[in-house]
Amino acid sequence: MKRRFLIGLAALLLPALAAAQTKPAQRRNDAPALSAARTIVAGAPLSVFLTRMPQGARLAIARPDDPADKAIVVVEPRTTVPTLPTPGAVGIYELRLTVEKAGAPTILLRQPLATTEPSATLAAPERVGRGQGVPVRGIGPNGEQDRVMLVKPDAPADTDGPRFFPAENVEATLEAPDQPGVYELRYILHAPLAEHRILARRLVRVE
């Protein structure tokens, strides 16, 4: 009788034991994660969405074959949706989330990033009086250091002059020079690997 009771009890317990063994263990997922566009115009700002960002983490853009301690762009995120500049040269790169260990960066996460050819457009009056305000619109990659400038047509790309930054506002009023003549409005890309690259030009005659 006792033996039959034990056999019956075992038969009842076996399904429960089997279910407990086959049920996957539930573990807390506290690993960091990132999400960002995989293709972007060269020189345009890239927004990255970070989850469970570890302390001291950094975002970097590097070439895929670059070691962990080499990068083109490095930013220490201050928010969970930081923005970082992208290289101004067309190419294949890698977005990385790194953290410093033993005095050297270690790659925690990586994601492919391709940049495409940048372009820009300019709008302004063809003629303007000396010293008058020139309403200008400049649209391009709109990187943080991009600028729209009014200079002489033969001036070097790094020449200074009346300017505004499209990243702040794509429209502005520039003061025309006091000296009459033909001037050139320029959209200048200023990004890693492509400093002072002229993307668009438009002639303005000062009378």
C-alpha atoms as a PDB file:
ATOM      1  CA  MET A   1       0.000   0.000   0.000  1.00  0.00           C
ATOM      2  CA  LYS A   2       2.800   2.336   0.972  1.00  0.00           C
ATOM      3  CA  ARG A   3       4.648   1.509  -2.247  1.00  0.00           C
ATOM      4  CA  ARG A   4       1.585   2.311  -4.337  1.00  0.00           C
ATOM      5  CA  PHE A   5       1.222   5.659  -2.549  1.00  0.00           C
ATOM      6  CA  LEU A   6       4.846   6.609  -3.325  1.00  0.00           C
ATOM      7  CA  ILE A   7       4.477   5.659  -6.967  1.00  0.00           C
ATOM      8  CA  GLY A   8       1.331   7.782  -7.265  1.00  0.00           C
ATOM      9  CA  LEU A   9       3.010  10.749  -5.576  1.00  0.00           C
ATOM     10  CA  ALA A  10       5.967  10.504  -7.955  1.00  0.00           C
ATOM     11  CA  ALA A  11       3.607  10.458 -10.917  1.00  0.00           C
ATOM     12  CA  LEU A  12       2.027  13.704  -9.701  1.00  0.00           C
ATOM     13  CA  LEU A  13       5.350  15.436  -9.070  1.00  0.00           C
ATOM     14  CA  LEU A  14       7.115  14.481 -12.321  1.00  0.00           C
ATOM     15  CA  PRO A  15       5.210  16.927 -14.617  1.00  0.00           C
ATOM     16  CA  ALA A  16       5.840  19.809 -12.206  1.00  0.00           C
ATOM     17  CA  LEU A  17       9.544  18.971 -11.968  1.00  0.00           C
ATOM     18  CA  ALA A  18       9.822  18.696 -15.746  1.00  0.00           C
ATOM     19  CA  ALA A  19       8.127  22.069 -16.223  1.00  0.00           C
ATOM     20  CA  ALA A  20      10.490  23.681 -13.705  1.00  0.00           C
ATOM     21  CA  GLN A  21      13.516  22.288 -15.538  1.00  0.00           C
ATOM     22  CA  THR A  22      12.365  23.387 -19.011  1.00  0.00           C
ATOM     23  CA  LYS A  23      11.187  26.901 -18.001  1.00  0.00           C
ATOM     24  CA  PRO A  24      13.916  29.399 -18.984  1.00  0.00           C
ATOM     25  CA  ALA A  25      15.534  31.351 -16.184  1.00  0.00           C
ATOM     26  CA  GLN A  26      14.467  34.984 -16.142  1.00  0.00           C
ATOM     27  CA  ARG A  27      17.425  37.324 -15.722  1.00  0.00           C
ATOM     28  CA  ARG A  28      17.478  41.093 -15.481  1.00  0.00           C
ATOM     29  CA  ASN A  29      18.817  42.692 -18.632  1.00  0.00           C
ATOM     30  CA  ASP A  30      20.998  45.620 -17.559  1.00  0.00           C
ATOM     31  CA  ALA A  31      23.294  45.679 -20.609  1.00  0.00           C
ATOM     32  CA  PRO A  32      23.722  49.037 -22.393  1.00  0.00           C
ATOM     33  CA  ALA A  33      22.138  49.631 -25.806  1.00  0.00           C
ATOM     34  CA  LEU A  34      22.386  52.251 -28.529  1.00  0.00           C
ATOM     35  CA  SER A  35      20.352  53.162 -31.585  1.00  0.00           C
ATOM     36  CA  ALA A  36      21.190  55.611 -34.383  1.00  0.00           C
ATOM     37  CA  ALA A  37      20.826  56.102 -38.129  1.00  0.00           C
ATOM     38  CA  ARG A  38      23.162  53.892 -40.139  1.00  0.00           C
ATOM     39  CA  THR A  39      23.382  56.312 -43.083  1.00  0.00           C
ATOM     40  CA  ILE A  40      23.727  60.092 -42.839  1.00  0.00           C
ATOM     41  CA  VAL A  41      24.893  63.052 -44.927  1.00  0.00           C
ATOM     42  CA  ALA A  42      28.595  63.679 -44.335  1.00  0.00           C
ATOM     43  CA  GLY A  43      29.097  66.405 -41.754  1.00  0.00           C
ATOM     44  CA  ALA A  44      25.517  66.337 -40.454  1.00  0.00           C
ATOM     45  CA  PRO A  45      24.894  65.922 -36.704  1.00  0.00           C
ATOM     46  CA  LEU A  46      24.046  62.381 -35.607  1.00  0.00           C
ATOM     47  CA  SER A  47      21.574  61.786 -32.770  1.00  0.00           C
ATOM     48  CA  VAL A  48      22.154  58.636 -30.735  1.00  0.00           C
ATOM     49  CA  PHE A  49      19.631  57.024 -28.386  1.00  0.00           C
ATOM     50  CA  LEU A  50      21.329  55.444 -25.380  1.00  0.00           C
ATOM     51  CA  THR A  51      19.843  53.012 -22.875  1.00  0.00           C
ATOM     52  CA  ARG A  52      21.444  52.009 -19.578  1.00  0.00           C
ATOM     53  CA  MET A  53      24.534  54.095 -20.321  1.00  0.00           C
ATOM     54  CA  PRO A  54      27.403  53.052 -18.035  1.00  0.00           C
ATOM     55  CA  GLN A  55      29.254  55.653 -16.016  1.00  0.00           C
ATOM     56  CA  GLY A  56      32.155  57.211 -17.888  1.00  0.00           C
ATOM     57  CA  ALA A  57      30.909  55.974 -21.276  1.00  0.00           C
ATOM     58  CA  ARG A  58      31.949  57.732 -24.471  1.00  0.00           C
ATOM     59  CA  LEU A  59      30.633  57.740 -28.022  1.00  0.00           C
ATOM     60  CA  ALA A  60      33.138  57.552 -30.828  1.00  0.00           C
ATOM     61  CA  ILE A  61      33.171  57.456 -34.607  1.00  0.00           C
ATOM     62  CA  ALA A  62      36.096  55.590 -36.124  1.00  0.00           C
ATOM     63  CA  ARG A  63      37.008  53.619 -39.193  1.00  0.00           C
ATOM     64  CA  PRO A  64      35.949  49.955 -38.853  1.00  0.00           C
ATOM     65  CA  ASP A  65      39.562  48.729 -38.694  1.00  0.00           C
ATOM     66  CA  ASP A  66      40.718  51.341 -36.181  1.00  0.00           C
ATOM     67  CA  PRO A  67      41.725  50.024 -32.738  1.00  0.00           C
ATOM     68  CA  ALA A  68      39.673  51.001 -29.694  1.00  0.00           C
ATOM     69  CA  ASP A  69      42.075  53.825 -28.767  1.00  0.00           C
ATOM     70  CA  LYS A  70      41.825  55.532 -32.173  1.00  0.00           C
ATOM     71  CA  ALA A  71      38.828  57.586 -33.305  1.00  0.00           C
ATOM     72  CA  ILE A  72      37.865  60.506 -35.555  1.00  0.00           C
ATOM     73  CA  VAL A  73      35.217  61.867 -33.188  1.00  0.00           C
ATOM     74  CA  VAL A  74      34.910  61.305 -29.422  1.00  0.00           C
ATOM     75  CA  VAL A  75      32.078  62.690 -27.290  1.00  0.00           C
ATOM     76  CA  GLU A  76      31.225  62.165 -23.640  1.00  0.00           C
ATOM     77  CA  PRO A  77      27.408  61.924 -23.535  1.00  0.00           C
ATOM     78  CA  ARG A  78      25.637  64.265 -21.128  1.00  0.00           C
ATOM     79  CA  THR A  79      22.123  63.016 -21.923  1.00  0.00           C
ATOM     80  CA  THR A  80      20.477  59.803 -23.100  1.00  0.00           C
ATOM     81  CA  VAL A  81      20.034  61.343 -26.584  1.00  0.00           C
ATOM     82  CA  PRO A  82      23.379  63.021 -27.349  1.00  0.00           C
ATOM     83  CA  THR A  83      24.332  64.484 -30.729  1.00  0.00           C
ATOM     84  CA  LEU A  84      27.806  64.196 -32.213  1.00  0.00           C
ATOM     85  CA  PRO A  85      29.405  65.543 -35.397  1.00  0.00           C
ATOM     86  CA  THR A  86      30.016  63.131 -38.246  1.00  0.00           C
ATOM     87  CA  PRO A  87      33.038  63.089 -40.575  1.00  0.00           C
ATOM     88  CA  GLY A  88      32.721  65.475 -43.506  1.00  0.00           C
ATOM     89  CA  ALA A  89      34.261  62.941 -45.887  1.00  0.00           C
ATOM     90  CA  VAL A  90      32.173  60.270 -47.608  1.00  0.00           C
ATOM     91  CA  GLY A  91      33.018  56.817 -46.318  1.00  0.00           C
ATOM     92  CA  ILE A  92      32.270  53.784 -44.173  1.00  0.00           C
ATOM     93  CA  TYR A  93      32.709  54.305 -40.460  1.00  0.00           C
ATOM     94  CA  GLU A  94      31.699  52.746 -37.155  1.00  0.00           C
ATOM     95  CA  LEU A  95      29.754  54.235 -34.254  1.00  0.00           C
ATOM     96  CA  ARG A  96      31.080  52.931 -30.943  1.00  0.00           C
ATOM     97  CA  LEU A  97      30.123  53.033 -27.292  1.00  0.00           C
ATOM     98  CA  THR A  98      33.275  52.745 -25.212  1.00  0.00           C
ATOM     99  CA  VAL A  99      34.267  52.760 -21.575  1.00  0.00           C
ATOM    100  CA  GLU A 100      37.712  53.080 -20.042  1.00  0.00           C
ATOM    101  CA  LYS A 101      39.168  49.980 -18.426  1.00  0.00           C
ATOM    102  CA  ALA A 102      42.699  49.705 -17.093  1.00  0.00           C
ATOM    103  CA  GLY A 103      43.488  53.129 -18.548  1.00  0.00           C
ATOM    104  CA  ALA A 104      42.434  52.274 -22.110  1.00  0.00           C
ATOM    105  CA  PRO A 105      39.106  52.457 -23.983  1.00  0.00           C
ATOM    106  CA  THR A 106      37.163  49.216 -24.416  1.00  0.00           C
ATOM    107  CA  ILE A 107      34.440  48.891 -27.053  1.00  0.00           C
ATOM    108  CA  LEU A 108      31.114  47.842 -25.530  1.00  0.00           C
ATOM    109  CA  LEU A 109      28.901  48.291 -28.585  1.00  0.00           C
ATOM    110  CA  ARG A 110      29.442  49.086 -32.249  1.00  0.00           C
ATOM    111  CA  GLN A 111      27.205  49.919 -35.198  1.00  0.00           C
ATOM    112  CA  PRO A 112      27.994  50.564 -38.883  1.00  0.00           C
ATOM    113  CA  LEU A 113      27.746  54.159 -40.113  1.00  0.00           C
ATOM    114  CA  ALA A 114      27.967  55.319 -43.745  1.00  0.00           C
ATOM    115  CA  THR A 115      28.189  58.963 -44.823  1.00  0.00           C
ATOM    116  CA  THR A 116      26.868  60.210 -48.171  1.00  0.00           C
ATOM    117  CA  GLU A 117      27.911  63.148 -50.345  1.00  0.00           C
ATOM    118  CA  PRO A 118      26.966  66.502 -48.739  1.00  0.00           C
ATOM    119  CA  SER A 119      25.333  69.389 -50.601  1.00  0.00           C
ATOM    120  CA  ALA A 120      23.985  72.841 -49.797  1.00  0.00           C
ATOM    121  CA  THR A 121      21.736  75.552 -51.225  1.00  0.00           C
ATOM    122  CA  LEU A 122      21.945  79.343 -50.920  1.00  0.00           C
ATOM    123  CA  ALA A 123      19.342  82.037 -51.480  1.00  0.00           C
ATOM    124  CA  ALA A 124      20.011  85.800 -51.506  1.00  0.00           C
ATOM    125  CA  PRO A 125      19.359  88.900 -53.660  1.00  0.00           C
ATOM    126  CA  GLU A 126      21.579  89.276 -56.719  1.00  0.00           C
ATOM    127  CA  ARG A 127      22.162  92.983 -55.983  1.00  0.00           C
ATOM    128  CA  VAL A 128      22.348  94.993 -52.772  1.00  0.00           C
ATOM    129  CA  GLY A 129      23.421  98.478 -51.758  1.00  0.00           C
ATOM    130  CA  ARG A 130      26.659  99.201 -49.906  1.00  0.00           C
ATOM    131  CA  GLY A 131      26.379  98.646 -46.173  1.00  0.00           C
ATOM    132  CA  GLN A 132      22.829  97.351 -46.451  1.00  0.00           C
ATOM    133  CA  GLY A 133      21.495  94.171 -44.873  1.00  0.00           C
ATOM    134  CA  VAL A 134      21.478  91.110 -47.123  1.00  0.00           C
ATOM    135  CA  PRO A 135      18.762  88.535 -46.312  1.00  0.00           C
ATOM    136  CA  VAL A 136      20.345  85.119 -46.758  1.00  0.00           C
ATOM    137  CA  ARG A 137      19.189  81.524 -46.460  1.00  0.00           C
ATOM    138  CA  GLY A 138      21.666  78.652 -46.272  1.00  0.00           C
ATOM    139  CA  ILE A 139      20.695  74.992 -45.970  1.00  0.00           C
ATOM    140  CA  GLY A 140      23.149  72.111 -45.937  1.00  0.00           C
ATOM    141  CA  PRO A 141      24.407  69.435 -43.537  1.00  0.00           C
ATOM    142  CA  ASN A 142      23.935  72.107 -40.824  1.00  0.00           C
ATOM    143  CA  GLY A 143      26.783  70.842 -38.680  1.00  0.00           C
ATOM    144  CA  GLU A 144      27.595  72.853 -35.568  1.00  0.00           C
ATOM    145  CA  GLN A 145      30.600  74.554 -37.184  1.00  0.00           C
ATOM    146  CA  ASP A 146      29.159  75.014 -40.689  1.00  0.00           C
ATOM    147  CA  ARG A 147      28.903  78.659 -41.759  1.00  0.00           C
ATOM    148  CA  VAL A 148      27.540  80.874 -44.508  1.00  0.00           C
ATOM    149  CA  MET A 149      29.888  83.740 -45.407  1.00  0.00           C
ATOM    150  CA  LEU A 150      30.078  86.734 -47.746  1.00  0.00           C
ATOM    151  CA  VAL A 151      33.591  87.210 -49.142  1.00  0.00           C
ATOM    152  CA  LYS A 152      35.487  88.140 -52.291  1.00  0.00           C
ATOM    153  CA  PRO A 153      35.191  85.471 -55.041  1.00  0.00           C
ATOM    154  CA  ASP A 154      38.941  84.809 -55.042  1.00  0.00           C
ATOM    155  CA  ALA A 155      39.270  84.626 -51.237  1.00  0.00           C
ATOM    156  CA  PRO A 156      40.672  81.396 -49.727  1.00  0.00           C
ATOM    157  CA  ALA A 157      38.158  78.994 -48.181  1.00  0.00           C
ATOM    158  CA  ASP A 158      39.311  79.855 -44.649  1.00  0.00           C
ATOM    159  CA  THR A 159      38.856  83.629 -45.112  1.00  0.00           C
ATOM    160  CA  ASP A 160      36.862  85.374 -42.392  1.00  0.00           C
ATOM    161  CA  GLY A 161      33.983  87.725 -43.112  1.00  0.00           C
ATOM    162  CA  PRO A 162      30.294  88.427 -42.404  1.00  0.00           C
ATOM    163  CA  ARG A 163      28.794  85.052 -41.477  1.00  0.00           C
ATOM    164  CA  PHE A 164      26.138  83.067 -39.680  1.00  0.00           C
ATOM    165  CA  PHE A 165      25.773  79.454 -38.555  1.00  0.00           C
ATOM    166  CA  PRO A 166      22.924  77.455 -40.179  1.00  0.00           C
ATOM    167  CA  ALA A 167      22.856  75.070 -37.212  1.00  0.00           C
ATOM    168  CA  GLU A 168      21.464  77.976 -35.167  1.00  0.00           C
ATOM    169  CA  ASN A 169      19.186  79.397 -37.859  1.00  0.00           C
ATOM    170  CA  VAL A 170      19.103  78.754 -41.618  1.00  0.00           C
ATOM    171  CA  GLU A 171      18.110  82.381 -42.279  1.00  0.00           C
ATOM    172  CA  ALA A 172      19.972  85.541 -41.293  1.00  0.00           C
ATOM    173  CA  THR A 173      20.835  89.055 -42.470  1.00  0.00           C
ATOM    174  CA  LEU A 174      24.443  89.812 -43.336  1.00  0.00           C
ATOM    175  CA  GLU A 175      25.818  93.336 -43.711  1.00  0.00           C
ATOM    176  CA  ALA A 176      27.025  94.120 -47.194  1.00  0.00           C
ATOM    177  CA  PRO A 177      30.565  95.550 -47.500  1.00  0.00           C
ATOM    178  CA  ASP A 178      31.051  99.320 -47.925  1.00  0.00           C
ATOM    179  CA  GLN A 179      33.222  98.700 -50.972  1.00  0.00           C
ATOM    180  CA  PRO A 180      31.197  98.103 -54.178  1.00  0.00           C
ATOM    181  CA  GLY A 181      31.963  95.114 -56.339  1.00  0.00           C
ATOM    182  CA  VAL A 182      31.157  91.454 -56.874  1.00  0.00           C
ATOM    183  CA  TYR A 183      31.182  89.250 -53.798  1.00  0.00           C
ATOM    184  CA  GLU A 184      30.529  85.587 -53.210  1.00  0.00           C
ATOM    185  CA  LEU A 185      28.166  84.000 -50.744  1.00  0.00           C
ATOM    186  CA  ARG A 186      29.431  80.604 -49.616  1.00  0.00           C
ATOM    187  CA  TYR A 187      28.163  77.649 -47.624  1.00  0.00           C
ATOM    188  CA  ILE A 188      31.234  76.232 -45.915  1.00  0.00           C
ATOM    189  CA  LEU A 189      31.292  72.759 -44.419  1.00  0.00           C
ATOM    190  CA  HIS A 190      33.485  72.589 -41.324  1.00  0.00           C
ATOM    191  CA  ALA A 191      33.557  69.030 -40.004  1.00  0.00           C
ATOM    192  CA  PRO A 192      36.098  66.365 -39.016  1.00  0.00           C
ATOM    193  CA  LEU A 193      38.103  65.289 -42.096  1.00  0.00           C
ATOM    194  CA  ALA A 194      36.632  68.186 -44.123  1.00  0.00           C
ATOM    195  CA  GLU A 195      37.453  71.644 -42.787  1.00  0.00           C
ATOM    196  CA  HIS A 196      36.598  74.757 -44.845  1.00  0.00           C
ATOM    197  CA  ARG A 197      35.036  72.797 -47.722  1.00  0.00           C
ATOM    198  CA  ILE A 198      32.871  75.025 -49.932  1.00  0.00           C
ATOM    199  CA  LEU A 199      29.599  73.246 -50.759  1.00  0.00           C
ATOM    200  CA  ALA A 200      27.729  76.077 -52.497  1.00  0.00           C
ATOM    201  CA  ARG A 201      28.454  79.519 -53.990  1.00  0.00           C
ATOM    202  CA  ARG A 202      26.282  82.440 -55.079  1.00  0.00           C
ATOM    203  CA  LEU A 203      27.425  85.798 -56.513  1.00  0.00           C
ATOM    204  CA  VAL A 204      26.117  89.013 -54.946  1.00  0.00           C
ATOM    205  CA  ARG A 205      26.809  92.426 -56.495  1.00  0.00           C
ATOM    206  CA  VAL A 206      27.269  95.296 -54.069  1.00  0.00           C
ATOM    207  CA  GLU A 207      26.457  98.672 -55.646  1.00  0.00           C
END
